[in-house]
Amino acid sequence: MPEPKIRRRFRTVPITLTTSVSSATAIRTDDIAGATLVCGTMSTSATSIQVWAAATSGGTYGRLYDSSGSPANITLAPSSSTGSAYSLPDPAFAAAMIKLVAANASSVASEASVVLKS
């Protein structure tokens, strides 16, 4: 008897990376098993992407922390002319909604996307 195959579904959400939580793109994560942030080229001042969470898309977003109290950030690699992809931190999957916010204005190109796997 053949082994059952599990098929995952993927969808891509284009986002604009900004330093403002209020203008960041809200991403629904309540039905997601994994996700990757895909960025364009980055400047030399790249630092990190902060993850903010809320119960609803219009709710109040707060910084997301892991169980040890450390910020659930995505640490960016130095400059890249080809772009990079980063997995979202595990605590992001405990939230219903998240926003990805650049730690500083010149950290990444404004065009990015999040690939969600369910």
PDB file of N, CA and C in Angstrom:
ATOM      1  N   MET A   1       0.847  -1.162   0.000  1.00  0.00           N
ATOM      2  CA  MET A   1       0.000   0.000   0.000  1.00  0.00           C
ATOM      3  C   MET A   1       0.901   1.236   0.000  1.00  0.00           C
ATOM      4  N   PRO A   2       0.645   2.189  -0.901  1.00  0.00           N
ATOM      5  CA  PRO A   2       1.505   3.380  -0.959  1.00  0.00           C
ATOM      6  C   PRO A   2       1.311   4.269   0.268  1.00  0.00           C
ATOM      7  N   GLU A   3       2.388   4.980   0.589  1.00  0.00           N
ATOM      8  CA  GLU A   3       2.342   5.932   1.695  1.00  0.00           C
ATOM      9  C   GLU A   3       1.450   7.111   1.324  1.00  0.00           C
ATOM     10  N   PRO A   4       0.646   7.624   2.265  1.00  0.00           N
ATOM     11  CA  PRO A   4      -0.157   8.819   1.957  1.00  0.00           C
ATOM     12  C   PRO A   4       0.749  10.026   1.753  1.00  0.00           C
ATOM     13  N   LYS A   5       0.369  10.876   0.841  1.00  0.00           N
ATOM     14  CA  LYS A   5       1.139  12.092   0.584  1.00  0.00           C
ATOM     15  C   LYS A   5       0.420  13.292   1.171  1.00  0.00           C
ATOM     16  N   ILE A   6       1.182  14.095   1.857  1.00  0.00           N
ATOM     17  CA  ILE A   6       0.633  15.329   2.413  1.00  0.00           C
ATOM     18  C   ILE A   6       0.996  16.450   1.463  1.00  0.00           C
ATOM     19  N   ARG A   7       0.007  17.163   1.012  1.00  0.00           N
ATOM     20  CA  ARG A   7       0.257  18.295   0.124  1.00  0.00           C
ATOM     21  C   ARG A   7       0.034  19.580   0.898  1.00  0.00           C
ATOM     22  N   ARG A   8       0.996  20.445   0.808  1.00  0.00           N
ATOM     23  CA  ARG A   8       0.903  21.748   1.453  1.00  0.00           C
ATOM     24  C   ARG A   8       0.468  22.778   0.436  1.00  0.00           C
ATOM     25  N   ARG A   9      -0.260  23.755   0.895  1.00  0.00           N
ATOM     26  CA  ARG A   9      -0.665  24.869   0.037  1.00  0.00           C
ATOM     27  C   ARG A   9       0.176  26.076   0.381  1.00  0.00           C
ATOM     28  N   PHE A  10       0.517  26.842  -0.635  1.00  0.00           N
ATOM     29  CA  PHE A  10       1.315  28.046  -0.455  1.00  0.00           C
ATOM     30  C   PHE A  10       0.565  29.237  -1.025  1.00  0.00           C
ATOM     31  N   ARG A  11       0.731  30.383  -0.391  1.00  0.00           N
ATOM     32  CA  ARG A  11       0.223  31.626  -0.962  1.00  0.00           C
ATOM     33  C   ARG A  11       1.228  32.726  -0.641  1.00  0.00           C
ATOM     34  N   THR A  12       1.334  33.670  -1.538  1.00  0.00           N
ATOM     35  CA  THR A  12       2.289  34.761  -1.376  1.00  0.00           C
ATOM     36  C   THR A  12       1.542  36.050  -1.104  1.00  0.00           C
ATOM     37  N   VAL A  13       1.963  36.761  -0.069  1.00  0.00           N
ATOM     38  CA  VAL A  13       1.361  38.034   0.306  1.00  0.00           C
ATOM     39  C   VAL A  13       2.410  39.123   0.088  1.00  0.00           C
ATOM     40  N   PRO A  14       2.197  40.017  -0.893  1.00  0.00           N
ATOM     41  CA  PRO A  14       3.136  41.125  -1.059  1.00  0.00           C
ATOM     42  C   PRO A  14       2.983  42.094   0.115  1.00  0.00           C
ATOM     43  N   ILE A  15       4.102  42.564   0.647  1.00  0.00           N
ATOM     44  CA  ILE A  15       4.058  43.500   1.769  1.00  0.00           C
ATOM     45  C   ILE A  15       4.999  44.668   1.488  1.00  0.00           C
ATOM     46  N   THR A  16       4.755  45.754   2.197  1.00  0.00           N
ATOM     47  CA  THR A  16       5.663  46.890   2.175  1.00  0.00           C
ATOM     48  C   THR A  16       6.315  46.963   3.545  1.00  0.00           C
ATOM     49  N   LEU A  17       7.641  46.867   3.565  1.00  0.00           N
ATOM     50  CA  LEU A  17       8.353  46.972   4.835  1.00  0.00           C
ATOM     51  C   LEU A  17       8.505  48.440   5.191  1.00  0.00           C
ATOM     52  N   THR A  18       8.120  48.773   6.384  1.00  0.00           N
ATOM     53  CA  THR A  18       8.144  50.143   6.858  1.00  0.00           C
ATOM     54  C   THR A  18       8.546  50.147   8.327  1.00  0.00           C
ATOM     55  N   THR A  19       8.914  51.297   8.847  1.00  0.00           N
ATOM     56  CA  THR A  19       9.231  51.404  10.271  1.00  0.00           C
ATOM     57  C   THR A  19       7.993  51.719  11.101  1.00  0.00           C
ATOM     58  N   SER A  20       6.865  51.896  10.451  1.00  0.00           N
ATOM     59  CA  SER A  20       5.622  52.250  11.132  1.00  0.00           C
ATOM     60  C   SER A  20       4.711  51.024  11.258  1.00  0.00           C
ATOM     61  N   VAL A  21       4.339  50.692  12.486  1.00  0.00           N
ATOM     62  CA  VAL A  21       3.433  49.560  12.705  1.00  0.00           C
ATOM     63  C   VAL A  21       2.082  49.831  12.048  1.00  0.00           C
ATOM     64  N   SER A  22       1.591  51.056  12.153  1.00  0.00           N
ATOM     65  CA  SER A  22       0.260  51.362  11.627  1.00  0.00           C
ATOM     66  C   SER A  22       0.178  51.225  10.108  1.00  0.00           C
ATOM     67  N   SER A  23       1.282  51.427   9.398  1.00  0.00           N
ATOM     68  CA  SER A  23       1.225  51.302   7.941  1.00  0.00           C
ATOM     69  C   SER A  23       1.795  49.979   7.427  1.00  0.00           C
ATOM     70  N   ALA A  24       2.232  49.096   8.320  1.00  0.00           N
ATOM     71  CA  ALA A  24       2.729  47.771   7.917  1.00  0.00           C
ATOM     72  C   ALA A  24       1.562  46.892   7.475  1.00  0.00           C
ATOM     73  N   THR A  25       1.851  45.936   6.638  1.00  0.00           N
ATOM     74  CA  THR A  25       0.836  45.019   6.114  1.00  0.00           C
ATOM     75  C   THR A  25       0.462  43.984   7.176  1.00  0.00           C
ATOM     76  N   ALA A  26      -0.839  43.819   7.431  1.00  0.00           N
ATOM     77  CA  ALA A  26      -1.313  42.797   8.369  1.00  0.00           C
ATOM     78  C   ALA A  26      -1.344  41.454   7.651  1.00  0.00           C
ATOM     79  N   ILE A  27      -0.811  40.424   8.315  1.00  0.00           N
ATOM     80  CA  ILE A  27      -0.728  39.093   7.733  1.00  0.00           C
ATOM     81  C   ILE A  27      -1.445  38.115   8.655  1.00  0.00           C
ATOM     82  N   ARG A  28      -2.422  37.414   8.113  1.00  0.00           N
ATOM     83  CA  ARG A  28      -3.176  36.433   8.894  1.00  0.00           C
ATOM     84  C   ARG A  28      -2.348  35.155   9.031  1.00  0.00           C
ATOM     85  N   THR A  29      -2.121  34.706  10.267  1.00  0.00           N
ATOM     86  CA  THR A  29      -1.285  33.531  10.505  1.00  0.00           C
ATOM     87  C   THR A  29      -1.990  32.425  11.277  1.00  0.00           C
ATOM     88  N   ASP A  30      -3.287  32.545  11.488  1.00  0.00           N
ATOM     89  CA  ASP A  30      -3.982  31.549  12.306  1.00  0.00           C
ATOM     90  C   ASP A  30      -4.103  30.175  11.643  1.00  0.00           C
ATOM     91  N   ASP A  31      -3.917  30.091  10.341  1.00  0.00           N
ATOM     92  CA  ASP A  31      -4.021  28.799   9.657  1.00  0.00           C
ATOM     93  C   ASP A  31      -2.722  28.418   8.949  1.00  0.00           C
ATOM     94  N   ILE A  32      -1.610  28.935   9.432  1.00  0.00           N
ATOM     95  CA  ILE A  32      -0.323  28.780   8.759  1.00  0.00           C
ATOM     96  C   ILE A  32       0.567  27.797   9.517  1.00  0.00           C
ATOM     97  N   ALA A  33       1.272  26.955   8.766  1.00  0.00           N
ATOM     98  CA  ALA A  33       2.221  26.002   9.355  1.00  0.00           C
ATOM     99  C   ALA A  33       3.657  26.470   9.227  1.00  0.00           C
ATOM    100  N   GLY A  34       3.921  27.417   8.344  1.00  0.00           N
ATOM    101  CA  GLY A  34       5.268  27.930   8.138  1.00  0.00           C
ATOM    102  C   GLY A  34       5.209  29.154   7.257  1.00  0.00           C
ATOM    103  N   ALA A  35       6.261  29.962   7.277  1.00  0.00           N
ATOM    104  CA  ALA A  35       6.279  31.163   6.443  1.00  0.00           C
ATOM    105  C   ALA A  35       7.712  31.627   6.239  1.00  0.00           C
ATOM    106  N   THR A  36       7.913  32.299   5.103  1.00  0.00           N
ATOM    107  CA  THR A  36       9.219  32.833   4.743  1.00  0.00           C
ATOM    108  C   THR A  36       9.061  34.266   4.276  1.00  0.00           C
ATOM    109  N   LEU A  37       9.904  35.156   4.798  1.00  0.00           N
ATOM    110  CA  LEU A  37       9.970  36.536   4.340  1.00  0.00           C
ATOM    111  C   LEU A  37      10.992  36.587   3.212  1.00  0.00           C
ATOM    112  N   VAL A  38      10.570  37.048   2.038  1.00  0.00           N
ATOM    113  CA  VAL A  38      11.460  37.163   0.891  1.00  0.00           C
ATOM    114  C   VAL A  38      11.689  38.647   0.630  1.00  0.00           C
ATOM    115  N   CYS A  39      12.957  39.093   0.784  1.00  0.00           N
ATOM    116  CA  CYS A  39      13.317  40.503   0.649  1.00  0.00           C
ATOM    117  C   CYS A  39      14.094  40.735  -0.630  1.00  0.00           C
ATOM    118  N   GLY A  40      14.020  41.954  -1.097  1.00  0.00           N
ATOM    119  CA  GLY A  40      14.854  42.367  -2.216  1.00  0.00           C
ATOM    120  C   GLY A  40      16.250  42.678  -1.730  1.00  0.00           C
ATOM    121  N   THR A  41      16.975  43.485  -2.466  1.00  0.00           N
ATOM    122  CA  THR A  41      18.333  43.844  -2.066  1.00  0.00           C
ATOM    123  C   THR A  41      18.307  44.652  -0.773  1.00  0.00           C
ATOM    124  N   MET A  42      19.382  44.540  -0.002  1.00  0.00           N
ATOM    125  CA  MET A  42      19.451  45.207   1.288  1.00  0.00           C
ATOM    126  C   MET A  42      20.658  46.118   1.362  1.00  0.00           C
ATOM    127  N   SER A  43      20.546  47.163   2.157  1.00  0.00           N
ATOM    128  CA  SER A  43      21.650  48.094   2.341  1.00  0.00           C
ATOM    129  C   SER A  43      22.605  47.585   3.411  1.00  0.00           C
ATOM    130  N   THR A  44      23.740  48.238   3.559  1.00  0.00           N
ATOM    131  CA  THR A  44      24.730  47.829   4.557  1.00  0.00           C
ATOM    132  C   THR A  44      24.262  48.077   5.978  1.00  0.00           C
ATOM    133  N   SER A  45      23.243  48.890   6.161  1.00  0.00           N
ATOM    134  CA  SER A  45      22.771  49.161   7.516  1.00  0.00           C
ATOM    135  C   SER A  45      21.656  48.209   7.944  1.00  0.00           C
ATOM    136  N   ALA A  46      21.504  47.118   7.239  1.00  0.00           N
ATOM    137  CA  ALA A  46      20.463  46.151   7.578  1.00  0.00           C
ATOM    138  C   ALA A  46      20.650  45.646   9.001  1.00  0.00           C
ATOM    139  N   THR A  47      19.570  45.561   9.745  1.00  0.00           N
ATOM    140  CA  THR A  47      19.642  45.077  11.116  1.00  0.00           C
ATOM    141  C   THR A  47      18.643  43.953  11.331  1.00  0.00           C
ATOM    142  N   SER A  48      17.387  44.313  11.565  1.00  0.00           N
ATOM    143  CA  SER A  48      16.394  43.281  11.845  1.00  0.00           C
ATOM    144  C   SER A  48      14.991  43.723  11.459  1.00  0.00           C
ATOM    145  N   ILE A  49      14.128  42.732  11.399  1.00  0.00           N
ATOM    146  CA  ILE A  49      12.701  42.952  11.193  1.00  0.00           C
ATOM    147  C   ILE A  49      12.012  42.533  12.484  1.00  0.00           C
ATOM    148  N   GLN A  50      11.193  43.420  13.026  1.00  0.00           N
ATOM    149  CA  GLN A  50      10.448  43.131  14.246  1.00  0.00           C
ATOM    150  C   GLN A  50       9.122  42.485  13.870  1.00  0.00           C
ATOM    151  N   VAL A  51       8.662  41.573  14.723  1.00  0.00           N
ATOM    152  CA  VAL A  51       7.358  40.946  14.534  1.00  0.00           C
ATOM    153  C   VAL A  51       6.415  41.516  15.590  1.00  0.00           C
ATOM    154  N   TRP A  52       5.289  42.032  15.121  1.00  0.00           N
ATOM    155  CA  TRP A  52       4.250  42.574  15.998  1.00  0.00           C
ATOM    156  C   TRP A  52       3.019  41.696  15.838  1.00  0.00           C
ATOM    157  N   ALA A  53       2.223  41.526  16.900  1.00  0.00           N
ATOM    158  CA  ALA A  53       1.084  40.608  16.858  1.00  0.00           C
ATOM    159  C   ALA A  53      -0.171  41.236  17.441  1.00  0.00           C
ATOM    160  N   ALA A  54      -1.321  40.735  16.961  1.00  0.00           N
ATOM    161  CA  ALA A  54      -2.626  41.162  17.474  1.00  0.00           C
ATOM    162  C   ALA A  54      -3.613  40.012  17.306  1.00  0.00           C
ATOM    163  N   ALA A  55      -4.738  40.120  17.991  1.00  0.00           N
ATOM    164  CA  ALA A  55      -5.776  39.093  17.905  1.00  0.00           C
ATOM    165  C   ALA A  55      -6.631  39.250  16.645  1.00  0.00           C
ATOM    166  N   THR A  56      -6.762  40.490  16.160  1.00  0.00           N
ATOM    167  CA  THR A  56      -7.547  40.765  14.951  1.00  0.00           C
ATOM    168  C   THR A  56      -6.774  41.750  14.086  1.00  0.00           C
ATOM    169  N   SER A  57      -7.107  41.822  12.806  1.00  0.00           N
ATOM    170  CA  SER A  57      -6.358  42.710  11.905  1.00  0.00           C
ATOM    171  C   SER A  57      -6.482  44.171  12.302  1.00  0.00           C
ATOM    172  N   GLY A  58      -7.612  44.565  12.837  1.00  0.00           N
ATOM    173  CA  GLY A  58      -7.804  45.947  13.261  1.00  0.00           C
ATOM    174  C   GLY A  58      -7.481  46.173  14.723  1.00  0.00           C
ATOM    175  N   GLY A  59      -6.960  45.148  15.388  1.00  0.00           N
ATOM    176  CA  GLY A  59      -6.669  45.243  16.818  1.00  0.00           C
ATOM    177  C   GLY A  59      -5.398  46.024  17.114  1.00  0.00           C
ATOM    178  N   THR A  60      -5.078  46.093  18.379  1.00  0.00           N
ATOM    179  CA  THR A  60      -3.865  46.772  18.818  1.00  0.00           C
ATOM    180  C   THR A  60      -2.703  45.797  18.729  1.00  0.00           C
ATOM    181  N   TYR A  61      -1.675  46.183  17.980  1.00  0.00           N
ATOM    182  CA  TYR A  61      -0.498  45.338  17.788  1.00  0.00           C
ATOM    183  C   TYR A  61       0.546  45.653  18.843  1.00  0.00           C
ATOM    184  N   GLY A  62       1.171  44.597  19.363  1.00  0.00           N
ATOM    185  CA  GLY A  62       2.259  44.733  20.319  1.00  0.00           C
ATOM    186  C   GLY A  62       3.438  43.890  19.881  1.00  0.00           C
ATOM    187  N   ARG A  63       4.640  44.235  20.345  1.00  0.00           N
ATOM    188  CA  ARG A  63       5.834  43.459  19.998  1.00  0.00           C
ATOM    189  C   ARG A  63       5.642  42.017  20.425  1.00  0.00           C
ATOM    190  N   LEU A  64       6.067  41.094  19.593  1.00  0.00           N
ATOM    191  CA  LEU A  64       5.984  39.677  19.888  1.00  0.00           C
ATOM    192  C   LEU A  64       7.297  39.213  20.517  1.00  0.00           C
ATOM    193  N   TYR A  65       7.183  38.473  21.614  1.00  0.00           N
ATOM    194  CA  TYR A  65       8.344  37.949  22.332  1.00  0.00           C
ATOM    195  C   TYR A  65       8.228  36.437  22.423  1.00  0.00           C
ATOM    196  N   ASP A  66       9.361  35.747  22.556  1.00  0.00           N
ATOM    197  CA  ASP A  66       9.329  34.305  22.737  1.00  0.00           C
ATOM    198  C   ASP A  66       9.100  33.993  24.218  1.00  0.00           C
ATOM    199  N   SER A  67       9.066  32.710  24.564  1.00  0.00           N
ATOM    200  CA  SER A  67       8.754  32.311  25.944  1.00  0.00           C
ATOM    201  C   SER A  67       9.821  32.713  26.954  1.00  0.00           C
ATOM    202  N   SER A  68      11.024  33.050  26.494  1.00  0.00           N
ATOM    203  CA  SER A  68      12.071  33.491  27.427  1.00  0.00           C
ATOM    204  C   SER A  68      12.109  35.010  27.582  1.00  0.00           C
ATOM    205  N   GLY A  69      11.212  35.717  26.873  1.00  0.00           N
ATOM    206  CA  GLY A  69      11.149  37.165  26.979  1.00  0.00           C
ATOM    207  C   GLY A  69      12.006  37.906  25.971  1.00  0.00           C
ATOM    208  N   SER A  70      12.586  37.193  25.025  1.00  0.00           N
ATOM    209  CA  SER A  70      13.395  37.828  23.976  1.00  0.00           C
ATOM    210  C   SER A  70      12.518  38.219  22.802  1.00  0.00           C
ATOM    211  N   PRO A  71      12.801  39.356  22.158  1.00  0.00           N
ATOM    212  CA  PRO A  71      12.002  39.764  21.000  1.00  0.00           C
ATOM    213  C   PRO A  71      12.066  38.714  19.889  1.00  0.00           C
ATOM    214  N   ALA A  72      10.933  38.474  19.251  1.00  0.00           N
ATOM    215  CA  ALA A  72      10.865  37.527  18.127  1.00  0.00           C
ATOM    216  C   ALA A  72      11.178  38.298  16.853  1.00  0.00           C
ATOM    217  N   ASN A  73      12.452  38.612  16.665  1.00  0.00           N
ATOM    218  CA  ASN A  73      12.898  39.379  15.505  1.00  0.00           C
ATOM    219  C   ASN A  73      13.469  38.460  14.433  1.00  0.00           C
ATOM    220  N   ILE A  74      13.547  38.981  13.222  1.00  0.00           N
ATOM    221  CA  ILE A  74      14.245  38.315  12.131  1.00  0.00           C
ATOM    222  C   ILE A  74      15.536  39.100  11.935  1.00  0.00           C
ATOM    223  N   THR A  75      16.676  38.474  12.202  1.00  0.00           N
ATOM    224  CA  THR A  75      17.963  39.140  12.045  1.00  0.00           C
ATOM    225  C   THR A  75      18.378  39.069  10.584  1.00  0.00           C
ATOM    226  N   LEU A  76      18.641  40.219   9.999  1.00  0.00           N
ATOM    227  CA  LEU A  76      18.975  40.287   8.585  1.00  0.00           C
ATOM    228  C   LEU A  76      20.470  40.108   8.353  1.00  0.00           C
ATOM    229  N   ALA A  77      20.796  39.491   7.234  1.00  0.00           N
ATOM    230  CA  ALA A  77      22.193  39.360   6.812  1.00  0.00           C
ATOM    231  C   ALA A  77      22.668  40.715   6.309  1.00  0.00           C
ATOM    232  N   PRO A  78      23.982  40.921   6.190  1.00  0.00           N
ATOM    233  CA  PRO A  78      24.494  42.181   5.637  1.00  0.00           C
ATOM    234  C   PRO A  78      24.048  42.380   4.189  1.00  0.00           C
ATOM    235  N   SER A  79      24.508  43.422   3.585  1.00  0.00           N
ATOM    236  CA  SER A  79      24.119  43.795   2.224  1.00  0.00           C
ATOM    237  C   SER A  79      24.083  42.615   1.270  1.00  0.00           C
ATOM    238  N   SER A  80      23.139  42.686   0.356  1.00  0.00           N
ATOM    239  CA  SER A  80      23.004  41.640  -0.649  1.00  0.00           C
ATOM    240  C   SER A  80      22.530  42.270  -1.946  1.00  0.00           C
ATOM    241  N   SER A  81      23.108  41.859  -3.037  1.00  0.00           N
ATOM    242  CA  SER A  81      22.649  42.363  -4.329  1.00  0.00           C
ATOM    243  C   SER A  81      21.640  41.416  -4.964  1.00  0.00           C
ATOM    244  N   THR A  82      21.394  40.286  -4.320  1.00  0.00           N
ATOM    245  CA  THR A  82      20.474  39.300  -4.879  1.00  0.00           C
ATOM    246  C   THR A  82      19.215  39.118  -4.053  1.00  0.00           C
ATOM    247  N   GLY A  83      19.133  39.702  -2.894  1.00  0.00           N
ATOM    248  CA  GLY A  83      17.980  39.505  -2.026  1.00  0.00           C
ATOM    249  C   GLY A  83      18.169  38.270  -1.169  1.00  0.00           C
ATOM    250  N   SER A  84      17.292  38.088  -0.191  1.00  0.00           N
ATOM    251  CA  SER A  84      17.403  36.968   0.744  1.00  0.00           C
ATOM    252  C   SER A  84      16.028  36.514   1.181  1.00  0.00           C
ATOM    253  N   ALA A  85      15.992  35.304   1.752  1.00  0.00           N
ATOM    254  CA  ALA A  85      14.752  34.757   2.310  1.00  0.00           C
ATOM    255  C   ALA A  85      15.021  34.336   3.749  1.00  0.00           C
ATOM    256  N   TYR A  86      14.064  34.612   4.626  1.00  0.00           N
ATOM    257  CA  TYR A  86      14.215  34.329   6.057  1.00  0.00           C
ATOM    258  C   TYR A  86      12.960  33.639   6.565  1.00  0.00           C
ATOM    259  N   SER A  87      13.125  32.579   7.354  1.00  0.00           N
ATOM    260  CA  SER A  87      11.958  31.947   7.962  1.00  0.00           C
ATOM    261  C   SER A  87      11.458  32.826   9.100  1.00  0.00           C
ATOM    262  N   LEU A  88      10.143  32.850   9.295  1.00  0.00           N
ATOM    263  CA  LEU A  88       9.580  33.605  10.402  1.00  0.00           C
ATOM    264  C   LEU A  88       9.873  32.874  11.703  1.00  0.00           C
ATOM    265  N   PRO A  89      10.084  33.604  12.799  1.00  0.00           N
ATOM    266  CA  PRO A  89      10.360  32.957  14.080  1.00  0.00           C
ATOM    267  C   PRO A  89       9.145  32.167  14.575  1.00  0.00           C
ATOM    268  N   ASP A  90       9.406  31.091  15.297  1.00  0.00           N
ATOM    269  CA  ASP A  90       8.337  30.216  15.776  1.00  0.00           C
ATOM    270  C   ASP A  90       7.205  30.930  16.518  1.00  0.00           C
ATOM    271  N   PRO A  91       7.479  31.923  17.389  1.00  0.00           N
ATOM    272  CA  PRO A  91       6.376  32.585  18.090  1.00  0.00           C
ATOM    273  C   PRO A  91       5.347  33.238  17.158  1.00  0.00           C
ATOM    274  N   ALA A  92       5.735  33.552  15.927  1.00  0.00           N
ATOM    275  CA  ALA A  92       4.801  34.185  14.994  1.00  0.00           C
ATOM    276  C   ALA A  92       3.605  33.287  14.695  1.00  0.00           C
ATOM    277  N   PHE A  93       3.777  31.975  14.822  1.00  0.00           N
ATOM    278  CA  PHE A  93       2.692  31.046  14.491  1.00  0.00           C
ATOM    279  C   PHE A  93       1.712  30.857  15.644  1.00  0.00           C
ATOM    280  N   ALA A  94       1.998  31.470  16.779  1.00  0.00           N
ATOM    281  CA  ALA A  94       1.062  31.443  17.903  1.00  0.00           C
ATOM    282  C   ALA A  94       0.084  32.605  17.833  1.00  0.00           C
ATOM    283  N   ALA A  95       0.341  33.560  16.942  1.00  0.00           N
ATOM    284  CA  ALA A  95      -0.502  34.755  16.811  1.00  0.00           C
ATOM    285  C   ALA A  95      -1.532  34.570  15.703  1.00  0.00           C
ATOM    286  N   ALA A  96      -2.637  35.295  15.815  1.00  0.00           N
ATOM    287  CA  ALA A  96      -3.655  35.272  14.764  1.00  0.00           C
ATOM    288  C   ALA A  96      -3.286  36.208  13.620  1.00  0.00           C
ATOM    289  N   MET A  97      -2.700  37.349  13.958  1.00  0.00           N
ATOM    290  CA  MET A  97      -2.299  38.356  12.969  1.00  0.00           C
ATOM    291  C   MET A  97      -0.911  38.862  13.342  1.00  0.00           C
ATOM    292  N   ILE A  98      -0.091  39.111  12.326  1.00  0.00           N
ATOM    293  CA  ILE A  98       1.224  39.707  12.577  1.00  0.00           C
ATOM    294  C   ILE A  98       1.473  40.839  11.588  1.00  0.00           C
ATOM    295  N   LYS A  99       2.398  41.701  11.954  1.00  0.00           N
ATOM    296  CA  LYS A  99       2.934  42.725  11.059  1.00  0.00           C
ATOM    297  C   LYS A  99       4.445  42.653  11.165  1.00  0.00           C
ATOM    298  N   LEU A 100       5.123  42.788  10.034  1.00  0.00           N
ATOM    299  CA  LEU A 100       6.578  42.803  10.007  1.00  0.00           C
ATOM    300  C   LEU A 100       7.018  44.241   9.832  1.00  0.00           C
ATOM    301  N   VAL A 101       7.856  44.719  10.751  1.00  0.00           N
ATOM    302  CA  VAL A 101       8.234  46.123  10.809  1.00  0.00           C
ATOM    303  C   VAL A 101       9.755  46.236  10.786  1.00  0.00           C
ATOM    304  N   ALA A 102      10.284  47.062   9.892  1.00  0.00           N
ATOM    305  CA  ALA A 102      11.730  47.265   9.801  1.00  0.00           C
ATOM    306  C   ALA A 102      12.231  48.024  11.020  1.00  0.00           C
ATOM    307  N   ALA A 103      13.365  47.597  11.558  1.00  0.00           N
ATOM    308  CA  ALA A 103      13.937  48.259  12.731  1.00  0.00           C
ATOM    309  C   ALA A 103      14.455  49.642  12.396  1.00  0.00           C
ATOM    310  N   ASN A 104      14.891  49.863  11.143  1.00  0.00           N
ATOM    311  CA  ASN A 104      15.297  51.205  10.730  1.00  0.00           C
ATOM    312  C   ASN A 104      14.919  51.416   9.269  1.00  0.00           C
ATOM    313  N   ALA A 105      14.800  52.656   8.876  1.00  0.00           N
ATOM    314  CA  ALA A 105      14.255  53.008   7.568  1.00  0.00           C
ATOM    315  C   ALA A 105      15.081  52.491   6.401  1.00  0.00           C
ATOM    316  N   SER A 106      16.369  52.326   6.559  1.00  0.00           N
ATOM    317  CA  SER A 106      17.189  51.904   5.432  1.00  0.00           C
ATOM    318  C   SER A 106      17.552  50.428   5.486  1.00  0.00           C
ATOM    319  N   SER A 107      16.834  49.646   6.294  1.00  0.00           N
ATOM    320  CA  SER A 107      17.250  48.260   6.473  1.00  0.00           C
ATOM    321  C   SER A 107      16.998  47.377   5.261  1.00  0.00           C
ATOM    322  N   VAL A 108      15.897  47.548   4.571  1.00  0.00           N
ATOM    323  CA  VAL A 108      15.608  46.692   3.422  1.00  0.00           C
ATOM    324  C   VAL A 108      14.866  47.482   2.357  1.00  0.00           C
ATOM    325  N   ALA A 109      14.843  46.952   1.166  1.00  0.00           N
ATOM    326  CA  ALA A 109      14.033  47.551   0.112  1.00  0.00           C
ATOM    327  C   ALA A 109      12.577  47.459   0.529  1.00  0.00           C
ATOM    328  N   SER A 110      11.766  48.382   0.095  1.00  0.00           N
ATOM    329  CA  SER A 110      10.368  48.392   0.518  1.00  0.00           C
ATOM    330  C   SER A 110       9.568  47.231  -0.063  1.00  0.00           C
ATOM    331  N   GLU A 111      10.023  46.676  -1.167  1.00  0.00           N
ATOM    332  CA  GLU A 111       9.285  45.559  -1.767  1.00  0.00           C
ATOM    333  C   GLU A 111       9.716  44.247  -1.156  1.00  0.00           C
ATOM    334  N   ALA A 112       8.768  43.513  -0.665  1.00  0.00           N
ATOM    335  CA  ALA A 112       9.026  42.203  -0.069  1.00  0.00           C
ATOM    336  C   ALA A 112       7.749  41.388  -0.157  1.00  0.00           C
ATOM    337  N   SER A 113       7.841  40.127   0.171  1.00  0.00           N
ATOM    338  CA  SER A 113       6.657  39.280   0.218  1.00  0.00           C
ATOM    339  C   SER A 113       6.845  38.234   1.291  1.00  0.00           C
ATOM    340  N   VAL A 114       5.729  37.704   1.740  1.00  0.00           N
ATOM    341  CA  VAL A 114       5.740  36.627   2.712  1.00  0.00           C
ATOM    342  C   VAL A 114       5.076  35.431   2.055  1.00  0.00           C
ATOM    343  N   VAL A 115       5.789  34.305   2.007  1.00  0.00           N
ATOM    344  CA  VAL A 115       5.247  33.084   1.448  1.00  0.00           C
ATOM    345  C   VAL A 115       4.729  32.258   2.614  1.00  0.00           C
ATOM    346  N   LEU A 116       3.418  31.988   2.609  1.00  0.00           N
ATOM    347  CA  LEU A 116       2.759  31.288   3.712  1.00  0.00           C
ATOM    348  C   LEU A 116       2.460  29.851   3.310  1.00  0.00           C
ATOM    349  N   LYS A 117       2.761  28.910   4.194  1.00  0.00           N
ATOM    350  CA  LYS A 117       2.519  27.498   3.928  1.00  0.00           C
ATOM    351  C   LYS A 117       1.465  26.989   4.907  1.00  0.00           C
ATOM    352  N   SER A 118       0.415  26.381   4.377  1.00  0.00           N
ATOM    353  CA  SER A 118      -0.626  25.825   5.261  1.00  0.00           C
ATOM    354  C   SER A 118      -0.770  24.345   5.033  1.00  0.00           C
TER     355      SER A 118
END
